[in-house]
């Protein structure tokens, strides 16, 4: 067994040695020669040219990048402006919110004002109605006063009434100054002084007649009083007297112009037509 195992090992080793030698004989190694100098120079020249071309391209790239830098600067500026605009927008939003709140408050206030205005309008209507009613009542009162005074006459500048009986003074003046017959038989409802007593003044006397015919006799007799200083006139309410006082200048002017002017109550008639001058509306 031992002799059989060692034989193949020897044979294998010989076979390898033969194969290696055979290879060396068939393919001998040749030494590598150094490259020639001319080819090296060409390689360097080509490399330099390539580098020059690369440098030119880099310059072109840099030239193209300069506008990009300017664009970047502009973009930075635009970014700053956009930031500024955003801040302004935020401020505007805040302002708008405040304005909306103010408008909401103003709207509520406006609604309240409208409500108050409607109440004021309602009050104005009520006041107009009350004013109309008051005017109507005043007209009715004036009419009633006119009716109650239609039986009365005013006597002016009758002296002696402060110390004596007014009725007797009136009867005496009707007899002596107006030349009325049976003046002592005139019947009066009442006779009294009008207004407050003042120094150096003669208050008018109000005489209310019981009989209309006696009143007409006295009222139609003033032509006998010329030069006596005594005056006789109808009694009117204060409002009517004030209106007549305003109309007197126009009444005298129209009479002097030959027009048929007549005062009736608080109205002036000219040639049968109601006078409607500016003093009528004063």
C-alpha atoms as a PDB file:
ATOM      1  CA  UNK A   1       0.000   0.000   0.000  1.00  0.00           C
ATOM      2  CA  UNK A   2       2.796   2.446   0.772  1.00  0.00           C
ATOM      3  CA  UNK A   3       4.572   1.920  -2.582  1.00  0.00           C
ATOM      4  CA  UNK A   4       1.448   2.506  -4.534  1.00  0.00           C
ATOM      5  CA  UNK A   5       0.695   5.897  -2.948  1.00  0.00           C
ATOM      6  CA  UNK A   6       4.106   7.512  -3.453  1.00  0.00           C
ATOM      7  CA  UNK A   7       4.381   6.745  -7.163  1.00  0.00           C
ATOM      8  CA  UNK A   8       1.656   9.101  -8.376  1.00  0.00           C
ATOM      9  CA  UNK A   9       3.105  12.007  -6.393  1.00  0.00           C
ATOM     10  CA  UNK A  10       6.445  11.829  -8.232  1.00  0.00           C
ATOM     11  CA  UNK A  11       4.837  11.549 -11.577  1.00  0.00           C
ATOM     12  CA  UNK A  12       2.651  14.655 -10.925  1.00  0.00           C
ATOM     13  CA  UNK A  13       5.616  16.787  -9.948  1.00  0.00           C
ATOM     14  CA  UNK A  14       7.495  15.979 -13.124  1.00  0.00           C
ATOM     15  CA  UNK A  15       4.566  16.751 -15.257  1.00  0.00           C
ATOM     16  CA  UNK A  16       4.344  20.314 -13.840  1.00  0.00           C
ATOM     17  CA  UNK A  17       8.006  20.996 -14.382  1.00  0.00           C
ATOM     18  CA  UNK A  18       7.807  19.973 -17.977  1.00  0.00           C
ATOM     19  CA  UNK A  19       4.828  22.197 -18.635  1.00  0.00           C
ATOM     20  CA  UNK A  20       6.531  25.312 -17.191  1.00  0.00           C
ATOM     21  CA  UNK A  21       9.663  24.877 -19.194  1.00  0.00           C
ATOM     22  CA  UNK A  22       7.767  24.245 -22.327  1.00  0.00           C
ATOM     23  CA  UNK A  23       5.867  27.515 -21.889  1.00  0.00           C
ATOM     24  CA  UNK A  24       9.044  29.492 -21.431  1.00  0.00           C
ATOM     25  CA  UNK A  25      10.512  27.978 -24.563  1.00  0.00           C
ATOM     26  CA  UNK A  26       7.465  28.663 -26.668  1.00  0.00           C
ATOM     27  CA  UNK A  27       6.762  32.259 -25.337  1.00  0.00           C
ATOM     28  CA  UNK A  28      10.011  33.951 -24.387  1.00  0.00           C
ATOM     29  CA  UNK A  29       9.653  37.303 -22.472  1.00  0.00           C
ATOM     30  CA  UNK A  30      10.746  40.466 -24.260  1.00  0.00           C
ATOM     31  CA  UNK A  31      11.828  43.608 -22.342  1.00  0.00           C
ATOM     32  CA  UNK A  32       9.555  46.770 -22.590  1.00  0.00           C
ATOM     33  CA  UNK A  33      11.301  49.620 -24.318  1.00  0.00           C
ATOM     34  CA  UNK A  34      10.840  53.208 -23.015  1.00  0.00           C
ATOM     35  CA  UNK A  35       8.593  55.506 -25.111  1.00  0.00           C
ATOM     36  CA  UNK A  36      10.312  57.769 -27.528  1.00  0.00           C
ATOM     37  CA  UNK A  37      10.835  61.519 -26.615  1.00  0.00           C
ATOM     38  CA  UNK A  38       8.860  62.811 -29.613  1.00  0.00           C
ATOM     39  CA  UNK A  39       5.652  61.042 -28.555  1.00  0.00           C
ATOM     40  CA  UNK A  40       5.991  62.424 -25.039  1.00  0.00           C
ATOM     41  CA  UNK A  41       6.186  65.958 -26.317  1.00  0.00           C
ATOM     42  CA  UNK A  42       3.135  65.408 -28.473  1.00  0.00           C
ATOM     43  CA  UNK A  43       1.230  64.100 -25.483  1.00  0.00           C
ATOM     44  CA  UNK A  44       2.177  67.137 -23.412  1.00  0.00           C
ATOM     45  CA  UNK A  45       1.197  69.482 -26.232  1.00  0.00           C
ATOM     46  CA  UNK A  46      -2.173  67.821 -26.597  1.00  0.00           C
ATOM     47  CA  UNK A  47      -2.689  67.952 -22.830  1.00  0.00           C
ATOM     48  CA  UNK A  48      -1.857  71.675 -22.759  1.00  0.00           C
ATOM     49  CA  UNK A  49      -4.212  72.327 -25.654  1.00  0.00           C
ATOM     50  CA  UNK A  50      -6.937  70.436 -23.848  1.00  0.00           C
ATOM     51  CA  UNK A  51      -6.278  72.455 -20.706  1.00  0.00           C
ATOM     52  CA  UNK A  52      -6.402  75.682 -22.743  1.00  0.00           C
ATOM     53  CA  UNK A  53      -9.693  74.617 -24.231  1.00  0.00           C
ATOM     54  CA  UNK A  54     -10.989  73.747 -20.771  1.00  0.00           C
ATOM     55  CA  UNK A  55      -9.799  77.129 -19.500  1.00  0.00           C
ATOM     56  CA  UNK A  56     -11.653  78.860 -22.340  1.00  0.00           C
ATOM     57  CA  UNK A  57     -14.745  76.901 -21.570  1.00  0.00           C
ATOM     58  CA  UNK A  58     -14.410  77.820 -17.912  1.00  0.00           C
ATOM     59  CA  UNK A  59     -14.146  81.477 -18.893  1.00  0.00           C
ATOM     60  CA  UNK A  60     -17.279  81.098 -21.002  1.00  0.00           C
ATOM     61  CA  UNK A  61     -19.024  79.455 -18.071  1.00  0.00           C
ATOM     62  CA  UNK A  62     -17.929  82.270 -15.781  1.00  0.00           C
ATOM     63  CA  UNK A  63     -19.165  84.807 -18.329  1.00  0.00           C
ATOM     64  CA  UNK A  64     -22.490  83.017 -18.405  1.00  0.00           C
ATOM     65  CA  UNK A  65     -22.597  82.873 -14.625  1.00  0.00           C
ATOM     66  CA  UNK A  66     -22.232  86.666 -14.256  1.00  0.00           C
ATOM     67  CA  UNK A  67     -25.820  87.316 -15.414  1.00  0.00           C
ATOM     68  CA  UNK A  68     -26.892  84.624 -12.980  1.00  0.00           C
ATOM     69  CA  UNK A  69     -25.140  86.549 -10.207  1.00  0.00           C
ATOM     70  CA  UNK A  70     -26.971  89.700 -11.259  1.00  0.00           C
ATOM     71  CA  UNK A  71     -30.179  87.698 -11.323  1.00  0.00           C
ATOM     72  CA  UNK A  72     -29.361  86.444  -7.843  1.00  0.00           C
ATOM     73  CA  UNK A  73     -28.851  90.028  -6.652  1.00  0.00           C
ATOM     74  CA  UNK A  74     -32.154  91.027  -8.223  1.00  0.00           C
ATOM     75  CA  UNK A  75     -33.823  88.005  -6.685  1.00  0.00           C
ATOM     76  CA  UNK A  76     -32.467  89.025  -3.289  1.00  0.00           C
ATOM     77  CA  UNK A  77     -33.806  92.534  -3.875  1.00  0.00           C
ATOM     78  CA  UNK A  78     -37.157  91.102  -4.976  1.00  0.00           C
ATOM     79  CA  UNK A  79     -37.179  88.889  -1.902  1.00  0.00           C
ATOM     80  CA  UNK A  80     -36.620  91.928   0.297  1.00  0.00           C
ATOM     81  CA  UNK A  81     -39.373  93.812  -1.514  1.00  0.00           C
ATOM     82  CA  UNK A  82     -41.706  90.833  -1.208  1.00  0.00           C
ATOM     83  CA  UNK A  83     -40.927  90.659   2.503  1.00  0.00           C
ATOM     84  CA  UNK A  84     -41.658  94.378   2.797  1.00  0.00           C
ATOM     85  CA  UNK A  85     -44.908  93.925   0.851  1.00  0.00           C
ATOM     86  CA  UNK A  86     -45.885  90.978   3.037  1.00  0.00           C
ATOM     87  CA  UNK A  87     -45.299  93.115   6.120  1.00  0.00           C
ATOM     88  CA  UNK A  88     -47.385  95.887   4.590  1.00  0.00           C
ATOM     89  CA  UNK A  89     -50.084  93.352   3.720  1.00  0.00           C
ATOM     90  CA  UNK A  90     -50.099  92.161   7.320  1.00  0.00           C
ATOM     91  CA  UNK A  91     -50.342  95.742   8.491  1.00  0.00           C
ATOM     92  CA  UNK A  92     -53.141  96.371   5.991  1.00  0.00           C
ATOM     93  CA  UNK A  93     -54.953  93.277   7.208  1.00  0.00           C
ATOM     94  CA  UNK A  94     -54.676  94.557  10.762  1.00  0.00           C
ATOM     95  CA  UNK A  95     -55.921  97.965   9.641  1.00  0.00           C
ATOM     96  CA  UNK A  96     -58.764  96.378   7.671  1.00  0.00           C
ATOM     97  CA  UNK A  97     -59.759  94.313  10.700  1.00  0.00           C
ATOM     98  CA  UNK A  98     -59.791  97.469  12.802  1.00  0.00           C
ATOM     99  CA  UNK A  99     -61.812  99.246  10.113  1.00  0.00           C
ATOM    100  CA  UNK A 100     -64.264  96.369   9.939  1.00  0.00           C
ATOM    101  CA  UNK A 101     -64.726  96.570  13.682  1.00  0.00           C
ATOM    102  CA  UNK A 102     -65.139 100.325  13.422  1.00  0.00           C
ATOM    103  CA  UNK A 103     -67.628  99.865  10.586  1.00  0.00           C
ATOM    104  CA  UNK A 104     -69.503  97.313  12.618  1.00  0.00           C
ATOM    105  CA  UNK A 105     -69.638  99.747  15.521  1.00  0.00           C
ATOM    106  CA  UNK A 106     -70.580 102.565  13.120  1.00  0.00           C
ATOM    107  CA  UNK A 107     -73.279 100.368  11.631  1.00  0.00           C
ATOM    108  CA  UNK A 108     -74.714  99.709  15.064  1.00  0.00           C
ATOM    109  CA  UNK A 109     -74.476 103.415  15.859  1.00  0.00           C
ATOM    110  CA  UNK A 110     -76.134 104.200  12.534  1.00  0.00           C
ATOM    111  CA  UNK A 111     -78.963 101.827  13.335  1.00  0.00           C
ATOM    112  CA  UNK A 112     -79.366 103.518  16.695  1.00  0.00           C
ATOM    113  CA  UNK A 113     -79.299 106.924  15.000  1.00  0.00           C
ATOM    114  CA  UNK A 114     -81.890 105.787  12.456  1.00  0.00           C
ATOM    115  CA  UNK A 115     -84.064 104.579  15.314  1.00  0.00           C
ATOM    116  CA  UNK A 116     -83.659 107.907  17.083  1.00  0.00           C
ATOM    117  CA  UNK A 117     -84.326 109.783  13.844  1.00  0.00           C
ATOM    118  CA  UNK A 118     -87.499 107.782  13.331  1.00  0.00           C
ATOM    119  CA  UNK A 119     -88.519 108.674  16.877  1.00  0.00           C
ATOM    120  CA  UNK A 120     -87.670 112.325  16.197  1.00  0.00           C
ATOM    121  CA  UNK A 121     -89.748 112.188  13.004  1.00  0.00           C
ATOM    122  CA  UNK A 122     -92.589 110.708  14.983  1.00  0.00           C
ATOM    123  CA  UNK A 123     -92.198 113.453  17.590  1.00  0.00           C
ATOM    124  CA  UNK A 124     -92.109 116.087  14.843  1.00  0.00           C
ATOM    125  CA  UNK A 125     -95.330 114.739  13.386  1.00  0.00           C
ATOM    126  CA  UNK A 126     -96.894 114.799  16.833  1.00  0.00           C
ATOM    127  CA  UNK A 127     -95.602 118.339  17.386  1.00  0.00           C
ATOM    128  CA  UNK A 128     -96.978 119.449  14.024  1.00  0.00           C
ATOM    129  CA  UNK A 129    -100.286 117.878  14.917  1.00  0.00           C
ATOM    130  CA  UNK A 130    -100.199 119.553  18.328  1.00  0.00           C
ATOM    131  CA  UNK A 131     -99.196 122.850  16.707  1.00  0.00           C
ATOM    132  CA  UNK A 132    -102.094 122.555  14.266  1.00  0.00           C
ATOM    133  CA  UNK A 133    -104.455 121.712  17.079  1.00  0.00           C
ATOM    134  CA  UNK A 134    -103.050 124.594  19.106  1.00  0.00           C
ATOM    135  CA  UNK A 135    -103.583 126.992  16.200  1.00  0.00           C
ATOM    136  CA  UNK A 136    -107.102 125.729  15.788  1.00  0.00           C
ATOM    137  CA  UNK A 137    -107.731 126.152  19.507  1.00  0.00           C
ATOM    138  CA  UNK A 138    -106.168 129.622  19.422  1.00  0.00           C
ATOM    139  CA  UNK A 139    -108.395 130.528  16.488  1.00  0.00           C
ATOM    140  CA  UNK A 140    -111.430 129.254  18.368  1.00  0.00           C
ATOM    141  CA  UNK A 141    -110.394 131.151  21.510  1.00  0.00           C
ATOM    142  CA  UNK A 142    -109.836 134.323  19.496  1.00  0.00           C
ATOM    143  CA  UNK A 143    -113.211 133.866  17.847  1.00  0.00           C
ATOM    144  CA  UNK A 144    -114.861 133.407  21.251  1.00  0.00           C
ATOM    145  CA  UNK A 145    -113.064 136.507  22.536  1.00  0.00           C
ATOM    146  CA  UNK A 146    -114.207 138.439  19.486  1.00  0.00           C
ATOM    147  CA  UNK A 147    -117.761 137.341  20.138  1.00  0.00           C
ATOM    148  CA  UNK A 148    -117.563 138.283  23.805  1.00  0.00           C
ATOM    149  CA  UNK A 149    -116.045 141.690  22.920  1.00  0.00           C
ATOM    150  CA  UNK A 150    -118.395 142.612  20.113  1.00  0.00           C
ATOM    151  CA  UNK A 151    -120.687 144.339  22.624  1.00  0.00           C
ATOM    152  CA  UNK A 152    -117.812 146.413  24.058  1.00  0.00           C
ATOM    153  CA  UNK A 153    -116.182 149.719  23.140  1.00  0.00           C
ATOM    154  CA  UNK A 154    -112.933 151.288  24.279  1.00  0.00           C
ATOM    155  CA  UNK A 155    -112.865 154.911  25.404  1.00  0.00           C
ATOM    156  CA  UNK A 156    -109.464 156.646  25.337  1.00  0.00           C
ATOM    157  CA  UNK A 157    -108.273 159.746  27.200  1.00  0.00           C
ATOM    158  CA  UNK A 158    -111.275 159.971  29.540  1.00  0.00           C
ATOM    159  CA  UNK A 159    -109.871 161.637  32.630  1.00  0.00           C
ATOM    160  CA  UNK A 160    -111.257 161.397  36.138  1.00  0.00           C
ATOM    161  CA  UNK A 161    -111.961 157.667  36.127  1.00  0.00           C
ATOM    162  CA  UNK A 162    -109.246 156.946  38.673  1.00  0.00           C
ATOM    163  CA  UNK A 163    -111.261 158.785  41.347  1.00  0.00           C
ATOM    164  CA  UNK A 164    -114.848 158.638  40.059  1.00  0.00           C
ATOM    165  CA  UNK A 165    -117.270 155.975  38.875  1.00  0.00           C
ATOM    166  CA  UNK A 166    -116.255 154.892  35.358  1.00  0.00           C
ATOM    167  CA  UNK A 167    -119.812 154.297  34.193  1.00  0.00           C
ATOM    168  CA  UNK A 168    -120.878 157.796  35.181  1.00  0.00           C
ATOM    169  CA  UNK A 169    -117.830 159.313  33.443  1.00  0.00           C
ATOM    170  CA  UNK A 170    -118.687 157.436  30.206  1.00  0.00           C
ATOM    171  CA  UNK A 171    -122.339 158.549  30.299  1.00  0.00           C
ATOM    172  CA  UNK A 172    -121.297 162.145  30.975  1.00  0.00           C
ATOM    173  CA  UNK A 173    -118.819 162.161  28.051  1.00  0.00           C
ATOM    174  CA  UNK A 174    -121.462 160.611  25.746  1.00  0.00           C
ATOM    175  CA  UNK A 175    -123.838 163.405  26.676  1.00  0.00           C
ATOM    176  CA  UNK A 176    -121.384 166.316  26.656  1.00  0.00           C
ATOM    177  CA  UNK A 177    -118.917 165.333  23.941  1.00  0.00           C
ATOM    178  CA  UNK A 178    -120.906 163.025  21.657  1.00  0.00           C
ATOM    179  CA  UNK A 179    -124.111 165.066  22.035  1.00  0.00           C
ATOM    180  CA  UNK A 180    -126.168 161.905  22.487  1.00  0.00           C
ATOM    181  CA  UNK A 181    -129.729 162.324  23.709  1.00  0.00           C
ATOM    182  CA  UNK A 182    -130.786 160.316  26.735  1.00  0.00           C
ATOM    183  CA  UNK A 183    -127.165 159.261  27.319  1.00  0.00           C
ATOM    184  CA  UNK A 184    -127.956 158.784  30.988  1.00  0.00           C
ATOM    185  CA  UNK A 185    -130.337 155.954  30.046  1.00  0.00           C
ATOM    186  CA  UNK A 186    -127.651 153.877  28.290  1.00  0.00           C
ATOM    187  CA  UNK A 187    -127.377 150.554  30.054  1.00  0.00           C
ATOM    188  CA  UNK A 188    -124.013 148.882  30.513  1.00  0.00           C
ATOM    189  CA  UNK A 189    -123.230 145.336  31.565  1.00  0.00           C
ATOM    190  CA  UNK A 190    -119.969 146.573  33.092  1.00  0.00           C
ATOM    191  CA  UNK A 191    -117.522 149.463  32.757  1.00  0.00           C
ATOM    192  CA  UNK A 192    -113.912 149.306  34.012  1.00  0.00           C
ATOM    193  CA  UNK A 193    -110.383 150.533  33.420  1.00  0.00           C
ATOM    194  CA  UNK A 194    -108.067 148.440  31.262  1.00  0.00           C
ATOM    195  CA  UNK A 195    -104.430 147.660  32.076  1.00  0.00           C
ATOM    196  CA  UNK A 196    -102.164 148.624  34.941  1.00  0.00           C
ATOM    197  CA  UNK A 197    -101.988 152.094  36.479  1.00  0.00           C
ATOM    198  CA  UNK A 198     -98.908 154.085  35.493  1.00  0.00           C
ATOM    199  CA  UNK A 199     -97.527 157.562  36.196  1.00  0.00           C
ATOM    200  CA  UNK A 200     -98.801 160.313  33.915  1.00  0.00           C
ATOM    201  CA  UNK A 201    -100.898 157.878  31.881  1.00  0.00           C
ATOM    202  CA  UNK A 202    -104.613 157.624  31.281  1.00  0.00           C
ATOM    203  CA  UNK A 203    -105.837 154.071  31.058  1.00  0.00           C
ATOM    204  CA  UNK A 204    -108.536 153.231  28.508  1.00  0.00           C
ATOM    205  CA  UNK A 205    -112.025 152.327  29.691  1.00  0.00           C
ATOM    206  CA  UNK A 206    -113.834 149.205  28.550  1.00  0.00           C
ATOM    207  CA  UNK A 207    -117.619 149.562  28.405  1.00  0.00           C
ATOM    208  CA  UNK A 208    -119.795 146.567  27.615  1.00  0.00           C
ATOM    209  CA  UNK A 209    -123.254 147.598  26.396  1.00  0.00           C
ATOM    210  CA  UNK A 210    -126.422 145.749  27.193  1.00  0.00           C
ATOM    211  CA  UNK A 211    -128.180 146.977  24.071  1.00  0.00           C
ATOM    212  CA  UNK A 212    -126.656 146.784  20.583  1.00  0.00           C
ATOM    213  CA  UNK A 213    -128.517 149.905  19.462  1.00  0.00           C
ATOM    214  CA  UNK A 214    -126.831 151.942  22.225  1.00  0.00           C
ATOM    215  CA  UNK A 215    -123.427 150.671  21.102  1.00  0.00           C
ATOM    216  CA  UNK A 216    -124.141 151.629  17.489  1.00  0.00           C
ATOM    217  CA  UNK A 217    -125.277 155.135  18.553  1.00  0.00           C
ATOM    218  CA  UNK A 218    -122.017 155.690  20.425  1.00  0.00           C
ATOM    219  CA  UNK A 219    -119.809 154.102  17.743  1.00  0.00           C
ATOM    220  CA  UNK A 220    -121.300 156.228  14.955  1.00  0.00           C
ATOM    221  CA  UNK A 221    -120.926 159.520  16.851  1.00  0.00           C
ATOM    222  CA  UNK A 222    -117.081 159.992  16.979  1.00  0.00           C
ATOM    223  CA  UNK A 223    -117.312 162.759  14.348  1.00  0.00           C
ATOM    224  CA  UNK A 224    -118.397 165.007  17.215  1.00  0.00           C
ATOM    225  CA  UNK A 225    -115.124 164.231  19.039  1.00  0.00           C
ATOM    226  CA  UNK A 226    -112.823 166.002  16.597  1.00  0.00           C
ATOM    227  CA  UNK A 227    -110.344 168.143  18.500  1.00  0.00           C
ATOM    228  CA  UNK A 228    -111.401 166.783  21.896  1.00  0.00           C
ATOM    229  CA  UNK A 229    -108.555 164.245  22.200  1.00  0.00           C
ATOM    230  CA  UNK A 230    -111.077 161.548  23.114  1.00  0.00           C
ATOM    231  CA  UNK A 231    -111.099 158.374  21.093  1.00  0.00           C
ATOM    232  CA  UNK A 232    -113.583 155.515  20.712  1.00  0.00           C
ATOM    233  CA  UNK A 233    -112.840 152.124  19.197  1.00  0.00           C
ATOM    234  CA  UNK A 234    -113.883 148.517  19.237  1.00  0.00           C
ATOM    235  CA  UNK A 235    -112.255 146.100  21.641  1.00  0.00           C
ATOM    236  CA  UNK A 236    -110.252 143.218  20.159  1.00  0.00           C
ATOM    237  CA  UNK A 237    -108.174 140.321  21.570  1.00  0.00           C
ATOM    238  CA  UNK A 238    -104.454 140.939  21.895  1.00  0.00           C
ATOM    239  CA  UNK A 239    -103.566 138.833  18.822  1.00  0.00           C
ATOM    240  CA  UNK A 240    -106.069 140.772  16.694  1.00  0.00           C
ATOM    241  CA  UNK A 241    -104.791 144.104  18.051  1.00  0.00           C
ATOM    242  CA  UNK A 242    -101.196 143.210  17.138  1.00  0.00           C
ATOM    243  CA  UNK A 243    -102.221 142.242  13.608  1.00  0.00           C
ATOM    244  CA  UNK A 244    -104.291 145.413  13.196  1.00  0.00           C
ATOM    245  CA  UNK A 245    -101.313 147.467  14.411  1.00  0.00           C
ATOM    246  CA  UNK A 246     -99.234 145.961  11.609  1.00  0.00           C
ATOM    247  CA  UNK A 247    -101.939 146.702   9.036  1.00  0.00           C
ATOM    248  CA  UNK A 248    -102.608 150.303  10.064  1.00  0.00           C
ATOM    249  CA  UNK A 249     -99.723 151.834   8.008  1.00  0.00           C
ATOM    250  CA  UNK A 250    -100.927 150.028   4.869  1.00  0.00           C
ATOM    251  CA  UNK A 251    -104.508 151.035   5.660  1.00  0.00           C
ATOM    252  CA  UNK A 252    -103.568 154.718   5.905  1.00  0.00           C
ATOM    253  CA  UNK A 253    -101.374 154.574   2.789  1.00  0.00           C
ATOM    254  CA  UNK A 254    -104.137 152.985   0.729  1.00  0.00           C
ATOM    255  CA  UNK A 255    -106.753 155.448   1.987  1.00  0.00           C
ATOM    256  CA  UNK A 256    -104.484 158.364   1.090  1.00  0.00           C
ATOM    257  CA  UNK A 257    -104.091 156.847  -2.380  1.00  0.00           C
ATOM    258  CA  UNK A 258    -107.863 156.950  -2.828  1.00  0.00           C
ATOM    259  CA  UNK A 259    -108.395 153.221  -2.433  1.00  0.00           C
ATOM    260  CA  UNK A 260    -111.404 151.811  -0.622  1.00  0.00           C
ATOM    261  CA  UNK A 261    -109.579 150.295   2.369  1.00  0.00           C
ATOM    262  CA  UNK A 262    -111.378 148.841   5.370  1.00  0.00           C
ATOM    263  CA  UNK A 263    -110.103 147.134   8.533  1.00  0.00           C
ATOM    264  CA  UNK A 264    -112.353 144.327   9.723  1.00  0.00           C
ATOM    265  CA  UNK A 265    -111.034 142.478  12.738  1.00  0.00           C
ATOM    266  CA  UNK A 266    -107.485 141.366  11.906  1.00  0.00           C
ATOM    267  CA  UNK A 267    -108.059 141.604   8.138  1.00  0.00           C
ATOM    268  CA  UNK A 268    -107.652 144.464   5.674  1.00  0.00           C
ATOM    269  CA  UNK A 269    -109.890 144.662   2.633  1.00  0.00           C
ATOM    270  CA  UNK A 270    -109.015 146.839  -0.361  1.00  0.00           C
ATOM    271  CA  UNK A 271    -111.695 147.508  -2.980  1.00  0.00           C
ATOM    272  CA  UNK A 272    -113.656 144.544  -1.638  1.00  0.00           C
ATOM    273  CA  UNK A 273    -110.669 142.148  -1.846  1.00  0.00           C
ATOM    274  CA  UNK A 274    -108.635 140.706   1.010  1.00  0.00           C
ATOM    275  CA  UNK A 275    -105.264 142.423   1.317  1.00  0.00           C
ATOM    276  CA  UNK A 276    -102.353 139.955   1.368  1.00  0.00           C
ATOM    277  CA  UNK A 277     -99.267 142.098   1.828  1.00  0.00           C
ATOM    278  CA  UNK A 278     -95.982 141.047   3.510  1.00  0.00           C
ATOM    279  CA  UNK A 279     -97.102 142.407   6.877  1.00  0.00           C
ATOM    280  CA  UNK A 280     -99.918 139.843   6.864  1.00  0.00           C
ATOM    281  CA  UNK A 281     -97.323 137.053   7.184  1.00  0.00           C
ATOM    282  CA  UNK A 282     -94.872 138.758   9.543  1.00  0.00           C
END
